[in-house]
Amino acid sequence: PDLSGYEKYGLGNVKYNISRIHVTAVEFPSASISLIPGTGIKLVIGNASLTIDMNWNIRTWMFKDTGRSTVYISKVFVTAIFSTPLDNTGHTSVSLTSCRTTSGDIDIKLNGKS
């Protein structure tokens, strides 16, 4: 979905809109799944990265600008634990028990008129 809103800075508001958000690349160079006896499944993703492209525009009382942006997020690490209990009918269900995510670097390139 598109993101829009405003932030108050100094003498006025900065209105922004971010649209056409597309994830263009995802890499999982290191991923593993293991069973945890009596608990469920552990998923570990290491050193992942993703690239996101989007349109943006901002407007203040002094100026306005629009453009494209590319966001590159790298050194992403995820550890997730899923429980796998049996439901009332004897079928296995899956639910997320815990999740920890960290990211190392975020590189933002803005291309606009100004």
N, C-alpha and C. Protein backbone atom coordinates (compact mmCIF):
# COMPACT_ATOMS: atom_id res chain seq x y z
N PRO A 1 0.83 -1.21 0.00
CA PRO A 1 0.00 0.00 0.00
C PRO A 1 0.86 1.26 0.00
N ASP A 2 0.28 2.34 -0.46
CA ASP A 2 0.96 3.63 -0.46
C ASP A 2 1.06 4.15 0.97
N LEU A 3 2.07 4.97 1.22
CA LEU A 3 2.26 5.61 2.52
C LEU A 3 2.16 7.11 2.34
N SER A 4 1.42 7.79 3.20
CA SER A 4 1.36 9.24 3.13
C SER A 4 1.13 9.79 4.53
N GLY A 5 1.49 11.06 4.69
CA GLY A 5 1.32 11.71 5.98
C GLY A 5 2.06 13.01 6.01
N TYR A 6 2.28 13.50 7.22
CA TYR A 6 3.06 14.72 7.37
C TYR A 6 3.84 14.68 8.67
N GLU A 7 4.92 15.41 8.66
CA GLU A 7 5.78 15.55 9.83
C GLU A 7 5.96 17.04 10.08
N LYS A 8 5.99 17.43 11.33
CA LYS A 8 6.16 18.83 11.69
C LYS A 8 7.64 19.13 11.92
N TYR A 9 8.18 20.07 11.18
CA TYR A 9 9.57 20.48 11.30
C TYR A 9 9.65 21.99 11.38
N GLY A 10 10.26 22.51 12.42
CA GLY A 10 10.52 23.95 12.52
C GLY A 10 9.32 24.82 12.24
N LEU A 11 9.34 25.49 11.09
CA LEU A 11 8.32 26.47 10.76
C LEU A 11 7.10 25.90 10.05
N GLY A 12 7.07 24.62 9.76
CA GLY A 12 5.90 24.11 9.04
C GLY A 12 5.89 22.61 8.94
N ASN A 13 4.94 22.14 8.17
CA ASN A 13 4.76 20.71 7.98
C ASN A 13 5.40 20.26 6.68
N VAL A 14 5.89 19.04 6.67
CA VAL A 14 6.37 18.40 5.46
C VAL A 14 5.38 17.29 5.14
N LYS A 15 4.67 17.45 4.03
CA LYS A 15 3.73 16.42 3.59
C LYS A 15 4.47 15.48 2.64
N TYR A 16 4.22 14.17 2.79
CA TYR A 16 4.91 13.21 1.94
C TYR A 16 3.94 12.15 1.45
N ASN A 17 4.31 11.55 0.33
CA ASN A 17 3.57 10.43 -0.22
C ASN A 17 4.58 9.48 -0.86
N ILE A 18 4.49 8.20 -0.51
CA ILE A 18 5.33 7.17 -1.10
C ILE A 18 4.40 6.18 -1.78
N SER A 19 4.59 5.97 -3.09
CA SER A 19 3.66 5.13 -3.85
C SER A 19 4.43 4.17 -4.75
N ARG A 20 3.69 3.24 -5.32
CA ARG A 20 4.25 2.23 -6.22
C ARG A 20 5.45 1.52 -5.61
N ILE A 21 5.26 1.04 -4.40
CA ILE A 21 6.31 0.35 -3.67
C ILE A 21 6.41 -1.08 -4.20
N HIS A 22 7.60 -1.44 -4.70
CA HIS A 22 7.82 -2.77 -5.27
C HIS A 22 9.11 -3.37 -4.73
N VAL A 23 9.02 -4.57 -4.22
CA VAL A 23 10.23 -5.32 -3.85
C VAL A 23 10.76 -5.92 -5.14
N THR A 24 11.96 -5.51 -5.55
CA THR A 24 12.51 -5.94 -6.84
C THR A 24 13.54 -7.04 -6.73
N ALA A 25 14.09 -7.25 -5.53
CA ALA A 25 15.07 -8.33 -5.35
C ALA A 25 15.10 -8.76 -3.89
N VAL A 26 15.24 -10.06 -3.68
CA VAL A 26 15.39 -10.64 -2.34
C VAL A 26 16.45 -11.73 -2.44
N GLU A 27 17.39 -11.73 -1.52
CA GLU A 27 18.44 -12.76 -1.51
C GLU A 27 18.55 -13.37 -0.12
N PHE A 28 18.58 -14.71 -0.07
CA PHE A 28 18.78 -15.46 1.16
C PHE A 28 20.02 -16.34 0.99
N PRO A 29 21.22 -15.77 1.13
CA PRO A 29 22.43 -16.57 0.91
C PRO A 29 22.65 -17.64 1.97
N SER A 30 22.06 -17.45 3.14
CA SER A 30 22.23 -18.43 4.21
C SER A 30 20.90 -18.61 4.92
N ALA A 31 20.32 -19.79 4.78
CA ALA A 31 19.05 -20.09 5.45
C ALA A 31 19.06 -21.54 5.90
N SER A 32 18.47 -21.77 7.08
CA SER A 32 18.39 -23.14 7.58
C SER A 32 17.09 -23.34 8.36
N ILE A 33 16.62 -24.56 8.33
CA ILE A 33 15.44 -24.95 9.09
C ILE A 33 15.82 -26.15 9.93
N SER A 34 15.46 -26.12 11.21
CA SER A 34 15.75 -27.26 12.08
C SER A 34 14.54 -27.55 12.96
N LEU A 35 14.44 -28.79 13.38
CA LEU A 35 13.36 -29.20 14.27
C LEU A 35 13.79 -29.01 15.71
N ILE A 36 12.88 -28.51 16.54
CA ILE A 36 13.12 -28.36 17.97
C ILE A 36 12.19 -29.36 18.66
N PRO A 37 12.74 -30.44 19.21
CA PRO A 37 11.89 -31.48 19.81
C PRO A 37 10.93 -30.91 20.86
N GLY A 38 9.65 -31.28 20.73
CA GLY A 38 8.63 -30.84 21.68
C GLY A 38 8.16 -29.42 21.49
N THR A 39 8.75 -28.69 20.56
CA THR A 39 8.39 -27.28 20.35
C THR A 39 7.89 -27.02 18.95
N GLY A 40 8.72 -27.30 17.95
CA GLY A 40 8.33 -27.01 16.58
C GLY A 40 9.50 -26.86 15.65
N ILE A 41 9.53 -25.74 14.95
CA ILE A 41 10.49 -25.51 13.88
C ILE A 41 11.23 -24.20 14.12
N LYS A 42 12.54 -24.21 13.87
CA LYS A 42 13.34 -23.00 13.96
C LYS A 42 13.84 -22.65 12.57
N LEU A 43 13.59 -21.41 12.15
CA LEU A 43 14.04 -20.90 10.86
C LEU A 43 15.08 -19.82 11.12
N VAL A 44 16.24 -19.95 10.51
CA VAL A 44 17.30 -18.95 10.65
C VAL A 44 17.71 -18.49 9.25
N ILE A 45 17.64 -17.19 9.03
CA ILE A 45 18.07 -16.58 7.77
C ILE A 45 19.20 -15.63 8.11
N GLY A 46 20.34 -15.79 7.43
CA GLY A 46 21.50 -14.96 7.72
C GLY A 46 21.96 -14.18 6.51
N ASN A 47 22.35 -12.94 6.76
CA ASN A 47 22.93 -12.07 5.74
C ASN A 47 22.03 -11.90 4.51
N ALA A 48 20.75 -11.79 4.73
CA ALA A 48 19.80 -11.58 3.63
C ALA A 48 19.83 -10.11 3.19
N SER A 49 19.27 -9.87 2.01
CA SER A 49 19.16 -8.49 1.52
C SER A 49 17.91 -8.35 0.66
N LEU A 50 17.45 -7.11 0.54
CA LEU A 50 16.34 -6.85 -0.36
C LEU A 50 16.44 -5.45 -0.93
N THR A 51 15.88 -5.29 -2.12
CA THR A 51 15.87 -4.01 -2.82
C THR A 51 14.42 -3.62 -3.07
N ILE A 52 14.11 -2.36 -2.77
CA ILE A 52 12.74 -1.84 -2.92
C ILE A 52 12.80 -0.57 -3.76
N ASP A 53 11.97 -0.50 -4.80
CA ASP A 53 11.84 0.71 -5.61
C ASP A 53 10.50 1.37 -5.30
N MET A 54 10.46 2.70 -5.39
CA MET A 54 9.22 3.43 -5.10
C MET A 54 9.25 4.82 -5.70
N ASN A 55 8.08 5.42 -5.83
CA ASN A 55 7.93 6.83 -6.18
C ASN A 55 7.73 7.60 -4.88
N TRP A 56 8.14 8.87 -4.86
CA TRP A 56 7.93 9.69 -3.68
C TRP A 56 7.65 11.13 -4.09
N ASN A 57 6.96 11.85 -3.23
CA ASN A 57 6.84 13.29 -3.38
C ASN A 57 6.71 13.93 -2.01
N ILE A 58 7.27 15.12 -1.89
CA ILE A 58 7.18 15.89 -0.65
C ILE A 58 6.75 17.31 -0.99
N ARG A 59 6.12 17.95 -0.01
CA ARG A 59 5.66 19.32 -0.20
C ARG A 59 5.76 20.06 1.13
N THR A 60 6.36 21.24 1.09
CA THR A 60 6.40 22.14 2.24
C THR A 60 5.85 23.48 1.78
N TRP A 61 5.80 24.43 2.68
CA TRP A 61 5.33 25.76 2.29
C TRP A 61 6.33 26.45 1.37
N MET A 62 7.59 25.98 1.34
CA MET A 62 8.62 26.62 0.51
C MET A 62 8.84 25.92 -0.83
N PHE A 63 8.71 24.60 -0.89
CA PHE A 63 9.01 23.89 -2.12
C PHE A 63 8.28 22.56 -2.16
N LYS A 64 8.32 21.97 -3.36
CA LYS A 64 7.81 20.61 -3.53
C LYS A 64 8.74 19.89 -4.48
N ASP A 65 8.79 18.56 -4.35
CA ASP A 65 9.67 17.78 -5.20
C ASP A 65 9.08 16.37 -5.33
N THR A 66 9.38 15.72 -6.43
CA THR A 66 8.95 14.35 -6.68
C THR A 66 10.11 13.57 -7.28
N GLY A 67 10.03 12.26 -7.21
CA GLY A 67 11.07 11.46 -7.83
C GLY A 67 10.89 9.98 -7.57
N ARG A 68 11.96 9.24 -7.86
CA ARG A 68 12.01 7.80 -7.63
C ARG A 68 13.05 7.53 -6.56
N SER A 69 12.91 6.40 -5.90
CA SER A 69 13.87 6.04 -4.87
C SER A 69 14.11 4.54 -4.91
N THR A 70 15.34 4.17 -4.58
CA THR A 70 15.70 2.76 -4.41
C THR A 70 16.27 2.60 -3.01
N VAL A 71 15.74 1.63 -2.28
CA VAL A 71 16.20 1.34 -0.92
C VAL A 71 16.81 -0.05 -0.95
N TYR A 72 18.05 -0.16 -0.49
CA TYR A 72 18.75 -1.44 -0.42
C TYR A 72 19.01 -1.74 1.05
N ILE A 73 18.44 -2.83 1.56
CA ILE A 73 18.62 -3.23 2.94
C ILE A 73 19.46 -4.50 2.94
N SER A 74 20.57 -4.48 3.69
CA SER A 74 21.46 -5.64 3.69
C SER A 74 21.81 -6.04 5.12
N LYS A 75 22.50 -7.17 5.22
CA LYS A 75 22.88 -7.73 6.52
C LYS A 75 21.66 -7.95 7.41
N VAL A 76 20.61 -8.52 6.80
CA VAL A 76 19.37 -8.81 7.53
C VAL A 76 19.48 -10.22 8.11
N PHE A 77 19.19 -10.33 9.40
CA PHE A 77 19.22 -11.61 10.09
C PHE A 77 17.87 -11.85 10.74
N VAL A 78 17.31 -13.04 10.53
CA VAL A 78 15.99 -13.39 11.07
C VAL A 78 16.10 -14.73 11.78
N THR A 79 15.57 -14.81 12.97
CA THR A 79 15.40 -16.08 13.68
C THR A 79 13.94 -16.17 14.08
N ALA A 80 13.26 -17.22 13.63
CA ALA A 80 11.84 -17.40 13.94
C ALA A 80 11.61 -18.80 14.48
N ILE A 81 10.77 -18.88 15.48
CA ILE A 81 10.37 -20.16 16.07
C ILE A 81 8.88 -20.34 15.81
N PHE A 82 8.53 -21.48 15.22
CA PHE A 82 7.14 -21.82 14.95
C PHE A 82 6.75 -23.02 15.81
N SER A 83 5.61 -22.91 16.50
CA SER A 83 5.11 -24.08 17.22
C SER A 83 4.22 -24.87 16.26
N THR A 84 4.19 -26.18 16.48
CA THR A 84 3.43 -27.05 15.57
C THR A 84 2.55 -28.03 16.36
N PRO A 85 1.61 -27.49 17.14
CA PRO A 85 0.75 -28.39 17.92
C PRO A 85 -0.33 -29.03 17.04
N LEU A 86 -0.91 -30.07 17.56
CA LEU A 86 -2.07 -30.69 16.90
C LEU A 86 -3.33 -29.96 17.35
N ASP A 87 -4.25 -29.72 16.40
CA ASP A 87 -5.52 -29.11 16.76
C ASP A 87 -6.49 -30.18 17.25
N ASN A 88 -7.73 -29.81 17.52
CA ASN A 88 -8.74 -30.73 18.06
C ASN A 88 -9.04 -31.90 17.13
N THR A 89 -8.81 -31.72 15.85
CA THR A 89 -9.10 -32.78 14.88
C THR A 89 -7.89 -33.66 14.60
N GLY A 90 -6.76 -33.36 15.23
CA GLY A 90 -5.55 -34.15 15.03
C GLY A 90 -4.66 -33.64 13.92
N HIS A 91 -5.03 -32.53 13.29
CA HIS A 91 -4.20 -31.94 12.24
C HIS A 91 -3.18 -31.00 12.87
N THR A 92 -2.04 -30.92 12.24
CA THR A 92 -0.99 -30.02 12.72
C THR A 92 -1.32 -28.59 12.34
N SER A 93 -1.18 -27.70 13.30
CA SER A 93 -1.32 -26.27 13.01
C SER A 93 0.05 -25.62 13.20
N VAL A 94 0.24 -24.48 12.60
CA VAL A 94 1.51 -23.77 12.70
C VAL A 94 1.24 -22.35 13.17
N SER A 95 1.97 -21.91 14.20
CA SER A 95 1.84 -20.53 14.64
C SER A 95 3.23 -20.00 15.02
N LEU A 96 3.41 -18.72 14.80
CA LEU A 96 4.68 -18.07 15.10
C LEU A 96 4.77 -17.84 16.60
N THR A 97 5.80 -18.39 17.23
CA THR A 97 5.99 -18.25 18.67
C THR A 97 6.88 -17.06 18.99
N SER A 98 7.97 -16.91 18.23
CA SER A 98 8.86 -15.77 18.43
C SER A 98 9.56 -15.44 17.13
N CYS A 99 9.96 -14.18 17.02
CA CYS A 99 10.67 -13.73 15.81
C CYS A 99 11.60 -12.58 16.20
N ARG A 100 12.83 -12.67 15.76
CA ARG A 100 13.81 -11.61 16.00
C ARG A 100 14.45 -11.27 14.67
N THR A 101 14.46 -9.98 14.35
CA THR A 101 15.02 -9.51 13.09
C THR A 101 15.94 -8.33 13.35
N THR A 102 17.10 -8.35 12.71
CA THR A 102 18.01 -7.20 12.76
C THR A 102 18.48 -6.90 11.34
N SER A 103 18.78 -5.64 11.09
CA SER A 103 19.35 -5.27 9.79
C SER A 103 20.59 -4.41 10.05
N GLY A 104 21.58 -4.58 9.19
CA GLY A 104 22.84 -3.88 9.38
C GLY A 104 22.94 -2.58 8.63
N ASP A 105 22.66 -2.60 7.34
CA ASP A 105 22.85 -1.42 6.50
C ASP A 105 21.59 -1.11 5.71
N ILE A 106 21.30 0.18 5.59
CA ILE A 106 20.22 0.65 4.73
C ILE A 106 20.79 1.76 3.85
N ASP A 107 20.71 1.58 2.54
CA ASP A 107 21.21 2.56 1.58
C ASP A 107 20.02 3.09 0.81
N ILE A 108 19.81 4.41 0.84
CA ILE A 108 18.67 5.04 0.17
C ILE A 108 19.19 5.97 -0.91
N LYS A 109 18.74 5.75 -2.13
CA LYS A 109 19.10 6.64 -3.24
C LYS A 109 17.84 7.36 -3.69
N LEU A 110 17.88 8.70 -3.64
CA LEU A 110 16.74 9.53 -4.05
C LEU A 110 17.08 10.19 -5.37
N ASN A 111 16.20 10.07 -6.32
CA ASN A 111 16.34 10.76 -7.60
C ASN A 111 15.12 11.67 -7.74
N GLY A 112 15.38 12.98 -7.78
CA GLY A 112 14.29 13.94 -7.88
C GLY A 112 14.67 15.10 -8.76
N LYS A 113 13.78 16.07 -8.85
CA LYS A 113 14.02 17.24 -9.68
C LYS A 113 15.00 18.20 -9.05
N SER A 114 14.97 18.31 -7.71
CA SER A 114 15.84 19.28 -7.03
C SER A 114 17.22 18.71 -6.80
